[in-house]
């Protein structure tokens, strides 16, 4: 979107942000993210507030971490033009690629101008593990067996830089909190690890809750790194395998996998997750997606 168009939108965004319903499009974000974007635009251009481009960048980044495509585009624009930030075309491209993957047309055009996306996102997009879910609390109305599992996840998840909410959503889908669950494909335990995955991540006893959760968290961490924080791809790969996701360049056309991803994504409203870019090289599907967007 041209910056003059964004400036024109600011008054309307302030007026309707509190009352607007959640957007149907995953690429546009929730009302809280829209409010952050509106504030960022105002600070970027000094409209109604003192001009403060550093503040604008911080606001864009907060909304961008939550998966808001307009915020990703706005922050990318600031990097691409050296506006309040040191010019960094690689960082701009990484942000434009995130927004373009959600269908942001202007981000697609900018991505073609600044070049291929970098393997890493700007530092502000990668919060420290301890800051992943400061407000997470175990629901008080959960039965004891669920609370025990949640407490275990709450203890272990920060060690793997995985948000507890994501791990618990996977556990709910995979085993419904049954540590003795076994599928017809021999997936085992709380996070339904098949023997191959259990061996891959050093799990000795998949029916031991702590051992199982450690293995599942390690796998989620790996998948989030491999897909550079794209939650839908990581979930699809957890369900169907990363080879399948890579082959189909995204969530495969399997009803089971599509339903799995849809249920978890709708419950979490989490498009992007912090990731460790040094853990594994990115999936080739991300480069293919970026090329097709240009």
C-alpha atoms as a PDB file:
ATOM      1  CA  UNK A   1       0.000   0.000   0.000  1.00  0.00           C
ATOM      2  CA  UNK A   2       1.347   3.462  -0.831  1.00  0.00           C
ATOM      3  CA  UNK A   3       2.247   5.416   2.309  1.00  0.00           C
ATOM      4  CA  UNK A   4      -0.110   8.261   1.359  1.00  0.00           C
ATOM      5  CA  UNK A   5      -2.935   5.699   1.368  1.00  0.00           C
ATOM      6  CA  UNK A   6      -1.965   4.545   4.819  1.00  0.00           C
ATOM      7  CA  UNK A   7      -1.914   8.129   6.053  1.00  0.00           C
ATOM      8  CA  UNK A   8      -5.418   8.628   4.741  1.00  0.00           C
ATOM      9  CA  UNK A   9      -6.576   5.548   6.627  1.00  0.00           C
ATOM     10  CA  UNK A  10      -5.305   6.635  10.053  1.00  0.00           C
ATOM     11  CA  UNK A  11      -8.351   8.635  11.241  1.00  0.00           C
ATOM     12  CA  UNK A  12     -10.751   5.891  10.169  1.00  0.00           C
ATOM     13  CA  UNK A  13      -8.618   3.205  11.784  1.00  0.00           C
ATOM     14  CA  UNK A  14      -8.612   5.055  15.097  1.00  0.00           C
ATOM     15  CA  UNK A  15     -12.351   5.575  14.896  1.00  0.00           C
ATOM     16  CA  UNK A  16     -13.331   1.993  14.173  1.00  0.00           C
ATOM     17  CA  UNK A  17     -10.572  -0.119  15.722  1.00  0.00           C
ATOM     18  CA  UNK A  18     -12.330  -0.663  19.024  1.00  0.00           C
ATOM     19  CA  UNK A  19     -15.653  -1.616  17.484  1.00  0.00           C
ATOM     20  CA  UNK A  20     -14.509  -3.533  14.430  1.00  0.00           C
ATOM     21  CA  UNK A  21     -15.193  -7.285  14.371  1.00  0.00           C
ATOM     22  CA  UNK A  22     -12.329  -9.741  13.875  1.00  0.00           C
ATOM     23  CA  UNK A  23     -11.268  -9.922  10.265  1.00  0.00           C
ATOM     24  CA  UNK A  24     -11.969 -13.083   8.332  1.00  0.00           C
ATOM     25  CA  UNK A  25      -8.636 -12.926   6.543  1.00  0.00           C
ATOM     26  CA  UNK A  26      -5.697 -14.408   8.407  1.00  0.00           C
ATOM     27  CA  UNK A  27      -3.425 -11.930   6.685  1.00  0.00           C
ATOM     28  CA  UNK A  28      -5.028  -8.842   8.187  1.00  0.00           C
ATOM     29  CA  UNK A  29      -4.821  -9.657  11.867  1.00  0.00           C
ATOM     30  CA  UNK A  30      -7.064  -9.104  14.861  1.00  0.00           C
ATOM     31  CA  UNK A  31      -8.406  -5.725  15.986  1.00  0.00           C
ATOM     32  CA  UNK A  32      -5.566  -5.324  18.535  1.00  0.00           C
ATOM     33  CA  UNK A  33      -3.027  -5.624  15.727  1.00  0.00           C
ATOM     34  CA  UNK A  34      -4.952  -3.100  13.618  1.00  0.00           C
ATOM     35  CA  UNK A  35      -4.812  -0.629  16.499  1.00  0.00           C
ATOM     36  CA  UNK A  36      -1.047  -1.109  16.743  1.00  0.00           C
ATOM     37  CA  UNK A  37      -0.690  -0.515  12.998  1.00  0.00           C
ATOM     38  CA  UNK A  38      -2.797   2.652  13.210  1.00  0.00           C
ATOM     39  CA  UNK A  39      -0.614   3.944  16.053  1.00  0.00           C
ATOM     40  CA  UNK A  40       2.513   3.023  14.133  1.00  0.00           C
ATOM     41  CA  UNK A  41       1.359   4.968  11.063  1.00  0.00           C
ATOM     42  CA  UNK A  42       0.541   7.969  13.244  1.00  0.00           C
ATOM     43  CA  UNK A  43       3.973   7.946  14.905  1.00  0.00           C
ATOM     44  CA  UNK A  44       5.727   7.340  11.598  1.00  0.00           C
ATOM     45  CA  UNK A  45       4.187  10.469  10.044  1.00  0.00           C
ATOM     46  CA  UNK A  46       3.534  12.617  13.129  1.00  0.00           C
ATOM     47  CA  UNK A  47      -0.216  12.712  12.643  1.00  0.00           C
ATOM     48  CA  UNK A  48      -2.019  13.445  15.902  1.00  0.00           C
ATOM     49  CA  UNK A  49       1.093  12.526  17.913  1.00  0.00           C
ATOM     50  CA  UNK A  50       4.731  13.583  17.983  1.00  0.00           C
ATOM     51  CA  UNK A  51       6.643  12.075  15.077  1.00  0.00           C
ATOM     52  CA  UNK A  52       8.694   9.176  16.413  1.00  0.00           C
ATOM     53  CA  UNK A  53       9.870   6.667  13.855  1.00  0.00           C
ATOM     54  CA  UNK A  54      11.617   4.457  16.416  1.00  0.00           C
ATOM     55  CA  UNK A  55       8.289   4.125  18.223  1.00  0.00           C
ATOM     56  CA  UNK A  56       6.572   3.430  14.902  1.00  0.00           C
ATOM     57  CA  UNK A  57       9.019   0.616  14.144  1.00  0.00           C
ATOM     58  CA  UNK A  58       8.474  -0.917  17.588  1.00  0.00           C
ATOM     59  CA  UNK A  59       4.690  -0.815  17.152  1.00  0.00           C
ATOM     60  CA  UNK A  60       4.869  -2.308  13.676  1.00  0.00           C
ATOM     61  CA  UNK A  61       7.114  -5.058  14.982  1.00  0.00           C
ATOM     62  CA  UNK A  62       4.776  -5.949  17.847  1.00  0.00           C
ATOM     63  CA  UNK A  63       1.889  -6.394  15.415  1.00  0.00           C
ATOM     64  CA  UNK A  64       4.134  -8.117  12.861  1.00  0.00           C
ATOM     65  CA  UNK A  65       5.153 -10.744  15.446  1.00  0.00           C
ATOM     66  CA  UNK A  66       1.461 -11.510  15.901  1.00  0.00           C
ATOM     67  CA  UNK A  67       1.229 -12.247  12.173  1.00  0.00           C
ATOM     68  CA  UNK A  68      -0.338  -9.000  10.906  1.00  0.00           C
ATOM     69  CA  UNK A  69       0.484  -8.624   7.202  1.00  0.00           C
ATOM     70  CA  UNK A  70       0.038  -4.822   7.123  1.00  0.00           C
ATOM     71  CA  UNK A  71       2.478  -4.473  10.036  1.00  0.00           C
ATOM     72  CA  UNK A  72       4.980  -6.750   8.318  1.00  0.00           C
ATOM     73  CA  UNK A  73       4.674  -4.608   5.212  1.00  0.00           C
ATOM     74  CA  UNK A  74       4.982  -1.347   7.179  1.00  0.00           C
ATOM     75  CA  UNK A  75       8.113  -2.462   9.002  1.00  0.00           C
ATOM     76  CA  UNK A  76       9.560  -3.789   5.763  1.00  0.00           C
ATOM     77  CA  UNK A  77       8.934  -0.393   4.158  1.00  0.00           C
ATOM     78  CA  UNK A  78      10.864   1.332   6.942  1.00  0.00           C
ATOM     79  CA  UNK A  79      13.828  -1.011   6.462  1.00  0.00           C
ATOM     80  CA  UNK A  80      13.696  -0.709   2.676  1.00  0.00           C
ATOM     81  CA  UNK A  81      13.761   3.101   2.833  1.00  0.00           C
ATOM     82  CA  UNK A  82      16.001   3.608   5.860  1.00  0.00           C
ATOM     83  CA  UNK A  83      13.172   5.455   7.575  1.00  0.00           C
ATOM     84  CA  UNK A  84      13.985   5.602  11.291  1.00  0.00           C
ATOM     85  CA  UNK A  85      16.049   2.422  10.883  1.00  0.00           C
ATOM     86  CA  UNK A  86      19.296   1.613   9.133  1.00  0.00           C
ATOM     87  CA  UNK A  87      18.477   0.574   5.588  1.00  0.00           C
ATOM     88  CA  UNK A  88      18.472  -3.205   5.315  1.00  0.00           C
ATOM     89  CA  UNK A  89      17.101  -4.690   2.093  1.00  0.00           C
ATOM     90  CA  UNK A  90      17.519  -8.249   3.357  1.00  0.00           C
ATOM     91  CA  UNK A  91      15.430  -7.557   6.473  1.00  0.00           C
ATOM     92  CA  UNK A  92      12.885  -5.713   4.333  1.00  0.00           C
ATOM     93  CA  UNK A  93      12.656  -8.672   1.957  1.00  0.00           C
ATOM     94  CA  UNK A  94      12.146 -11.110   4.848  1.00  0.00           C
ATOM     95  CA  UNK A  95       9.241  -9.011   6.110  1.00  0.00           C
ATOM     96  CA  UNK A  96       7.748  -8.464   2.652  1.00  0.00           C
ATOM     97  CA  UNK A  97       7.913 -12.227   2.088  1.00  0.00           C
ATOM     98  CA  UNK A  98       5.879 -12.864   5.251  1.00  0.00           C
ATOM     99  CA  UNK A  99       3.238 -10.361   4.179  1.00  0.00           C
ATOM    100  CA  UNK A 100       3.236 -11.568   0.558  1.00  0.00           C
ATOM    101  CA  UNK A 101       2.640 -15.128   1.712  1.00  0.00           C
ATOM    102  CA  UNK A 102      -0.618 -13.859   3.234  1.00  0.00           C
ATOM    103  CA  UNK A 103      -1.698 -12.288  -0.034  1.00  0.00           C
ATOM    104  CA  UNK A 104      -0.521  -8.704   0.559  1.00  0.00           C
ATOM    105  CA  UNK A 105      -0.286  -7.404  -3.008  1.00  0.00           C
ATOM    106  CA  UNK A 106       1.907  -4.362  -2.250  1.00  0.00           C
ATOM    107  CA  UNK A 107       4.337  -6.529  -0.328  1.00  0.00           C
ATOM    108  CA  UNK A 108       4.597  -8.817  -3.367  1.00  0.00           C
ATOM    109  CA  UNK A 109       5.564  -5.862  -5.549  1.00  0.00           C
ATOM    110  CA  UNK A 110       8.099  -4.564  -3.012  1.00  0.00           C
ATOM    111  CA  UNK A 111       9.613  -8.027  -2.671  1.00  0.00           C
ATOM    112  CA  UNK A 112      10.361  -7.983  -6.397  1.00  0.00           C
ATOM    113  CA  UNK A 113      12.240  -4.696  -5.915  1.00  0.00           C
ATOM    114  CA  UNK A 114      14.396  -5.481  -2.885  1.00  0.00           C
ATOM    115  CA  UNK A 115      15.495  -8.990  -3.811  1.00  0.00           C
ATOM    116  CA  UNK A 116      15.254 -12.421  -2.212  1.00  0.00           C
ATOM    117  CA  UNK A 117      14.333 -12.634   1.484  1.00  0.00           C
ATOM    118  CA  UNK A 118      17.022 -13.227   4.079  1.00  0.00           C
ATOM    119  CA  UNK A 119      17.080 -16.377   6.160  1.00  0.00           C
ATOM    120  CA  UNK A 120      16.648 -14.313   9.320  1.00  0.00           C
ATOM    121  CA  UNK A 121      14.126 -11.744  10.449  1.00  0.00           C
ATOM    122  CA  UNK A 122      15.017  -8.501  12.256  1.00  0.00           C
ATOM    123  CA  UNK A 123      16.002  -8.926  15.888  1.00  0.00           C
ATOM    124  CA  UNK A 124      12.765  -7.393  17.144  1.00  0.00           C
ATOM    125  CA  UNK A 125      10.857 -10.255  15.507  1.00  0.00           C
ATOM    126  CA  UNK A 126      12.757 -12.799  17.602  1.00  0.00           C
ATOM    127  CA  UNK A 127      11.981 -12.237  21.290  1.00  0.00           C
ATOM    128  CA  UNK A 128      13.888 -14.129  23.962  1.00  0.00           C
ATOM    129  CA  UNK A 129      12.385 -17.490  24.974  1.00  0.00           C
ATOM    130  CA  UNK A 130      11.557 -16.222  28.462  1.00  0.00           C
ATOM    131  CA  UNK A 131       9.304 -13.590  26.918  1.00  0.00           C
ATOM    132  CA  UNK A 132       7.302 -15.965  24.736  1.00  0.00           C
ATOM    133  CA  UNK A 133       4.150 -16.261  26.831  1.00  0.00           C
ATOM    134  CA  UNK A 134       4.375 -14.084  29.939  1.00  0.00           C
ATOM    135  CA  UNK A 135       0.603 -14.190  30.465  1.00  0.00           C
ATOM    136  CA  UNK A 136       0.039 -17.920  30.054  1.00  0.00           C
ATOM    137  CA  UNK A 137      -1.996 -19.445  32.870  1.00  0.00           C
ATOM    138  CA  UNK A 138      -3.397 -22.940  33.294  1.00  0.00           C
ATOM    139  CA  UNK A 139      -7.207 -22.749  33.111  1.00  0.00           C
ATOM    140  CA  UNK A 140      -8.653 -23.180  36.599  1.00  0.00           C
ATOM    141  CA  UNK A 141     -11.570 -25.305  35.385  1.00  0.00           C
ATOM    142  CA  UNK A 142      -9.394 -27.997  33.790  1.00  0.00           C
ATOM    143  CA  UNK A 143      -9.588 -31.452  35.435  1.00  0.00           C
ATOM    144  CA  UNK A 144      -6.537 -32.649  37.401  1.00  0.00           C
ATOM    145  CA  UNK A 145      -5.037 -34.802  34.630  1.00  0.00           C
ATOM    146  CA  UNK A 146      -5.101 -31.894  32.191  1.00  0.00           C
ATOM    147  CA  UNK A 147      -3.652 -29.542  34.775  1.00  0.00           C
ATOM    148  CA  UNK A 148      -0.772 -31.951  35.372  1.00  0.00           C
ATOM    149  CA  UNK A 149       0.014 -32.066  31.665  1.00  0.00           C
ATOM    150  CA  UNK A 150      -0.289 -28.289  31.376  1.00  0.00           C
ATOM    151  CA  UNK A 151       2.062 -27.804  34.315  1.00  0.00           C
ATOM    152  CA  UNK A 152       4.583 -30.106  32.637  1.00  0.00           C
ATOM    153  CA  UNK A 153       4.321 -28.178  29.374  1.00  0.00           C
ATOM    154  CA  UNK A 154       4.614 -24.874  31.225  1.00  0.00           C
ATOM    155  CA  UNK A 155       7.820 -26.150  32.841  1.00  0.00           C
ATOM    156  CA  UNK A 156       9.431 -27.548  29.701  1.00  0.00           C
ATOM    157  CA  UNK A 157       8.249 -25.328  26.836  1.00  0.00           C
ATOM    158  CA  UNK A 158      10.544 -22.344  27.592  1.00  0.00           C
ATOM    159  CA  UNK A 159      13.568 -24.664  27.367  1.00  0.00           C
ATOM    160  CA  UNK A 160      12.637 -25.290  23.739  1.00  0.00           C
ATOM    161  CA  UNK A 161      11.469 -21.741  22.973  1.00  0.00           C
ATOM    162  CA  UNK A 162       7.977 -23.046  22.171  1.00  0.00           C
ATOM    163  CA  UNK A 163       4.892 -21.265  23.411  1.00  0.00           C
ATOM    164  CA  UNK A 164       2.956 -23.434  25.901  1.00  0.00           C
ATOM    165  CA  UNK A 165      -0.316 -22.592  24.148  1.00  0.00           C
ATOM    166  CA  UNK A 166       0.947 -24.114  20.904  1.00  0.00           C
ATOM    167  CA  UNK A 167       2.218 -27.293  22.565  1.00  0.00           C
ATOM    168  CA  UNK A 168      -1.028 -27.759  24.522  1.00  0.00           C
ATOM    169  CA  UNK A 169      -3.115 -27.238  21.376  1.00  0.00           C
ATOM    170  CA  UNK A 170      -1.098 -29.973  19.674  1.00  0.00           C
ATOM    171  CA  UNK A 171      -1.527 -32.291  22.669  1.00  0.00           C
ATOM    172  CA  UNK A 172      -5.275 -31.701  22.681  1.00  0.00           C
ATOM    173  CA  UNK A 173      -5.504 -32.591  18.994  1.00  0.00           C
ATOM    174  CA  UNK A 174      -3.093 -35.501  19.138  1.00  0.00           C
ATOM    175  CA  UNK A 175      -4.090 -37.380  22.308  1.00  0.00           C
ATOM    176  CA  UNK A 176      -6.694 -35.344  24.200  1.00  0.00           C
ATOM    177  CA  UNK A 177      -4.257 -35.379  27.142  1.00  0.00           C
ATOM    178  CA  UNK A 178      -4.080 -39.197  27.298  1.00  0.00           C
ATOM    179  CA  UNK A 179      -0.497 -40.206  28.075  1.00  0.00           C
ATOM    180  CA  UNK A 180      -1.252 -43.833  27.099  1.00  0.00           C
ATOM    181  CA  UNK A 181      -2.776 -43.022  23.714  1.00  0.00           C
ATOM    182  CA  UNK A 182      -1.644 -45.072  20.714  1.00  0.00           C
ATOM    183  CA  UNK A 183      -2.883 -44.529  17.160  1.00  0.00           C
ATOM    184  CA  UNK A 184      -3.413 -47.070  14.401  1.00  0.00           C
ATOM    185  CA  UNK A 185      -0.146 -45.765  12.927  1.00  0.00           C
ATOM    186  CA  UNK A 186       1.653 -46.481  16.214  1.00  0.00           C
ATOM    187  CA  UNK A 187       1.938 -42.830  17.226  1.00  0.00           C
ATOM    188  CA  UNK A 188       2.391 -42.848  20.985  1.00  0.00           C
ATOM    189  CA  UNK A 189       1.774 -40.777  24.080  1.00  0.00           C
ATOM    190  CA  UNK A 190       0.692 -37.223  24.727  1.00  0.00           C
ATOM    191  CA  UNK A 191       2.218 -35.732  21.592  1.00  0.00           C
ATOM    192  CA  UNK A 192       1.701 -38.884  19.494  1.00  0.00           C
ATOM    193  CA  UNK A 193       5.273 -39.506  18.458  1.00  0.00           C
ATOM    194  CA  UNK A 194       5.819 -42.230  15.907  1.00  0.00           C
ATOM    195  CA  UNK A 195       8.854 -44.430  16.728  1.00  0.00           C
ATOM    196  CA  UNK A 196      10.962 -42.785  13.992  1.00  0.00           C
ATOM    197  CA  UNK A 197      10.341 -39.295  15.397  1.00  0.00           C
ATOM    198  CA  UNK A 198      10.886 -40.505  18.955  1.00  0.00           C
ATOM    199  CA  UNK A 199      14.302 -41.898  18.014  1.00  0.00           C
ATOM    200  CA  UNK A 200      15.138 -38.772  16.040  1.00  0.00           C
ATOM    201  CA  UNK A 201      14.667 -36.580  19.116  1.00  0.00           C
ATOM    202  CA  UNK A 202      16.083 -38.930  21.721  1.00  0.00           C
ATOM    203  CA  UNK A 203      12.863 -40.167  23.324  1.00  0.00           C
ATOM    204  CA  UNK A 204      13.404 -43.447  25.177  1.00  0.00           C
ATOM    205  CA  UNK A 205       9.873 -44.047  26.445  1.00  0.00           C
ATOM    206  CA  UNK A 206       7.123 -42.360  24.460  1.00  0.00           C
ATOM    207  CA  UNK A 207       4.563 -43.278  27.116  1.00  0.00           C
ATOM    208  CA  UNK A 208       6.459 -41.400  29.821  1.00  0.00           C
ATOM    209  CA  UNK A 209       4.797 -37.953  29.867  1.00  0.00           C
ATOM    210  CA  UNK A 210       7.969 -35.962  30.473  1.00  0.00           C
ATOM    211  CA  UNK A 211      10.023 -37.872  27.901  1.00  0.00           C
ATOM    212  CA  UNK A 212       7.211 -37.602  25.362  1.00  0.00           C
ATOM    213  CA  UNK A 213       6.653 -33.881  25.850  1.00  0.00           C
ATOM    214  CA  UNK A 214      10.374 -33.198  25.561  1.00  0.00           C
ATOM    215  CA  UNK A 215      10.438 -35.046  22.236  1.00  0.00           C
ATOM    216  CA  UNK A 216       7.337 -33.281  20.945  1.00  0.00           C
ATOM    217  CA  UNK A 217       8.678 -29.874  21.933  1.00  0.00           C
ATOM    218  CA  UNK A 218      12.008 -30.621  20.273  1.00  0.00           C
ATOM    219  CA  UNK A 219      10.184 -31.574  17.079  1.00  0.00           C
ATOM    220  CA  UNK A 220       8.008 -28.443  17.166  1.00  0.00           C
ATOM    221  CA  UNK A 221      11.085 -26.299  17.736  1.00  0.00           C
ATOM    222  CA  UNK A 222      12.786 -27.921  14.731  1.00  0.00           C
ATOM    223  CA  UNK A 223       9.737 -27.484  12.513  1.00  0.00           C
ATOM    224  CA  UNK A 224       9.314 -23.824  13.507  1.00  0.00           C
ATOM    225  CA  UNK A 225      12.947 -23.203  12.601  1.00  0.00           C
ATOM    226  CA  UNK A 226      12.664 -25.145   9.330  1.00  0.00           C
ATOM    227  CA  UNK A 227       9.578 -23.155   8.273  1.00  0.00           C
ATOM    228  CA  UNK A 228      10.918 -19.904   9.728  1.00  0.00           C
ATOM    229  CA  UNK A 229       8.137 -19.450  12.252  1.00  0.00           C
ATOM    230  CA  UNK A 230       5.218 -20.143   9.912  1.00  0.00           C
ATOM    231  CA  UNK A 231       2.843 -21.935  12.280  1.00  0.00           C
ATOM    232  CA  UNK A 232       0.506 -23.425   9.675  1.00  0.00           C
ATOM    233  CA  UNK A 233       3.390 -25.144   7.883  1.00  0.00           C
ATOM    234  CA  UNK A 234       4.869 -26.430  11.141  1.00  0.00           C
ATOM    235  CA  UNK A 235       1.501 -27.862  12.201  1.00  0.00           C
ATOM    236  CA  UNK A 236       0.911 -29.462   8.813  1.00  0.00           C
ATOM    237  CA  UNK A 237       4.345 -31.059   8.998  1.00  0.00           C
ATOM    238  CA  UNK A 238       3.725 -32.277  12.554  1.00  0.00           C
ATOM    239  CA  UNK A 239       0.616 -34.023  11.270  1.00  0.00           C
ATOM    240  CA  UNK A 240       1.747 -35.229   7.839  1.00  0.00           C
ATOM    241  CA  UNK A 241       5.546 -34.881   7.838  1.00  0.00           C
ATOM    242  CA  UNK A 242       7.794 -32.156   6.488  1.00  0.00           C
ATOM    243  CA  UNK A 243       8.469 -34.065   3.255  1.00  0.00           C
ATOM    244  CA  UNK A 244       4.757 -33.888   2.438  1.00  0.00           C
ATOM    245  CA  UNK A 245       4.549 -30.167   3.187  1.00  0.00           C
ATOM    246  CA  UNK A 246       7.609 -29.502   1.054  1.00  0.00           C
ATOM    247  CA  UNK A 247       6.207 -31.582  -1.801  1.00  0.00           C
ATOM    248  CA  UNK A 248       2.941 -29.646  -1.832  1.00  0.00           C
ATOM    249  CA  UNK A 249       4.596 -26.279  -1.102  1.00  0.00           C
ATOM    250  CA  UNK A 250       2.398 -25.760   1.954  1.00  0.00           C
ATOM    251  CA  UNK A 251      -0.473 -27.427   3.776  1.00  0.00           C
ATOM    252  CA  UNK A 252      -1.224 -30.561   1.731  1.00  0.00           C
ATOM    253  CA  UNK A 253      -4.692 -31.231   0.282  1.00  0.00           C
ATOM    254  CA  UNK A 254      -5.429 -33.942   2.836  1.00  0.00           C
ATOM    255  CA  UNK A 255      -8.734 -33.394   4.694  1.00  0.00           C
ATOM    256  CA  UNK A 256      -7.251 -34.725   7.939  1.00  0.00           C
ATOM    257  CA  UNK A 257      -4.257 -32.383   7.820  1.00  0.00           C
ATOM    258  CA  UNK A 258      -6.274 -29.385   6.684  1.00  0.00           C
ATOM    259  CA  UNK A 259      -8.786 -29.899   9.488  1.00  0.00           C
ATOM    260  CA  UNK A 260      -5.979 -30.365  12.000  1.00  0.00           C
ATOM    261  CA  UNK A 261      -4.285 -27.118  10.997  1.00  0.00           C
ATOM    262  CA  UNK A 262      -7.559 -25.196  10.792  1.00  0.00           C
ATOM    263  CA  UNK A 263      -8.717 -26.230  14.283  1.00  0.00           C
ATOM    264  CA  UNK A 264      -5.449 -25.330  15.972  1.00  0.00           C
ATOM    265  CA  UNK A 265      -4.974 -22.077  14.070  1.00  0.00           C
ATOM    266  CA  UNK A 266      -8.508 -20.896  14.815  1.00  0.00           C
ATOM    267  CA  UNK A 267      -8.032 -21.642  18.520  1.00  0.00           C
ATOM    268  CA  UNK A 268      -4.615 -19.985  18.806  1.00  0.00           C
ATOM    269  CA  UNK A 269      -4.881 -17.110  16.288  1.00  0.00           C
ATOM    270  CA  UNK A 270      -1.097 -17.376  15.952  1.00  0.00           C
ATOM    271  CA  UNK A 271       0.244 -17.039  12.412  1.00  0.00           C
ATOM    272  CA  UNK A 272       3.910 -16.631  13.284  1.00  0.00           C
ATOM    273  CA  UNK A 273       6.051 -17.985  16.118  1.00  0.00           C
ATOM    274  CA  UNK A 274       9.587 -16.978  17.157  1.00  0.00           C
ATOM    275  CA  UNK A 275      12.189 -19.429  15.896  1.00  0.00           C
ATOM    276  CA  UNK A 276      15.889 -20.271  16.096  1.00  0.00           C
ATOM    277  CA  UNK A 277      17.329 -19.577  12.661  1.00  0.00           C
ATOM    278  CA  UNK A 278      20.576 -21.392  13.561  1.00  0.00           C
ATOM    279  CA  UNK A 279      18.927 -24.728  14.319  1.00  0.00           C
ATOM    280  CA  UNK A 280      18.339 -25.822  10.723  1.00  0.00           C
ATOM    281  CA  UNK A 281      18.488 -24.387   7.206  1.00  0.00           C
ATOM    282  CA  UNK A 282      15.109 -23.109   5.978  1.00  0.00           C
ATOM    283  CA  UNK A 283      12.802 -25.305   3.957  1.00  0.00           C
ATOM    284  CA  UNK A 284      13.227 -24.891   0.177  1.00  0.00           C
ATOM    285  CA  UNK A 285       9.469 -24.340  -0.013  1.00  0.00           C
ATOM    286  CA  UNK A 286       9.938 -20.870   1.520  1.00  0.00           C
ATOM    287  CA  UNK A 287      12.245 -19.792  -1.290  1.00  0.00           C
ATOM    288  CA  UNK A 288       9.798 -21.227  -3.828  1.00  0.00           C
ATOM    289  CA  UNK A 289       6.926 -19.308  -2.219  1.00  0.00           C
ATOM    290  CA  UNK A 290       8.912 -16.073  -2.338  1.00  0.00           C
ATOM    291  CA  UNK A 291       9.781 -16.598  -6.019  1.00  0.00           C
ATOM    292  CA  UNK A 292       6.171 -17.268  -6.951  1.00  0.00           C
ATOM    293  CA  UNK A 293       5.081 -14.086  -5.161  1.00  0.00           C
ATOM    294  CA  UNK A 294       7.307 -11.957  -7.381  1.00  0.00           C
END
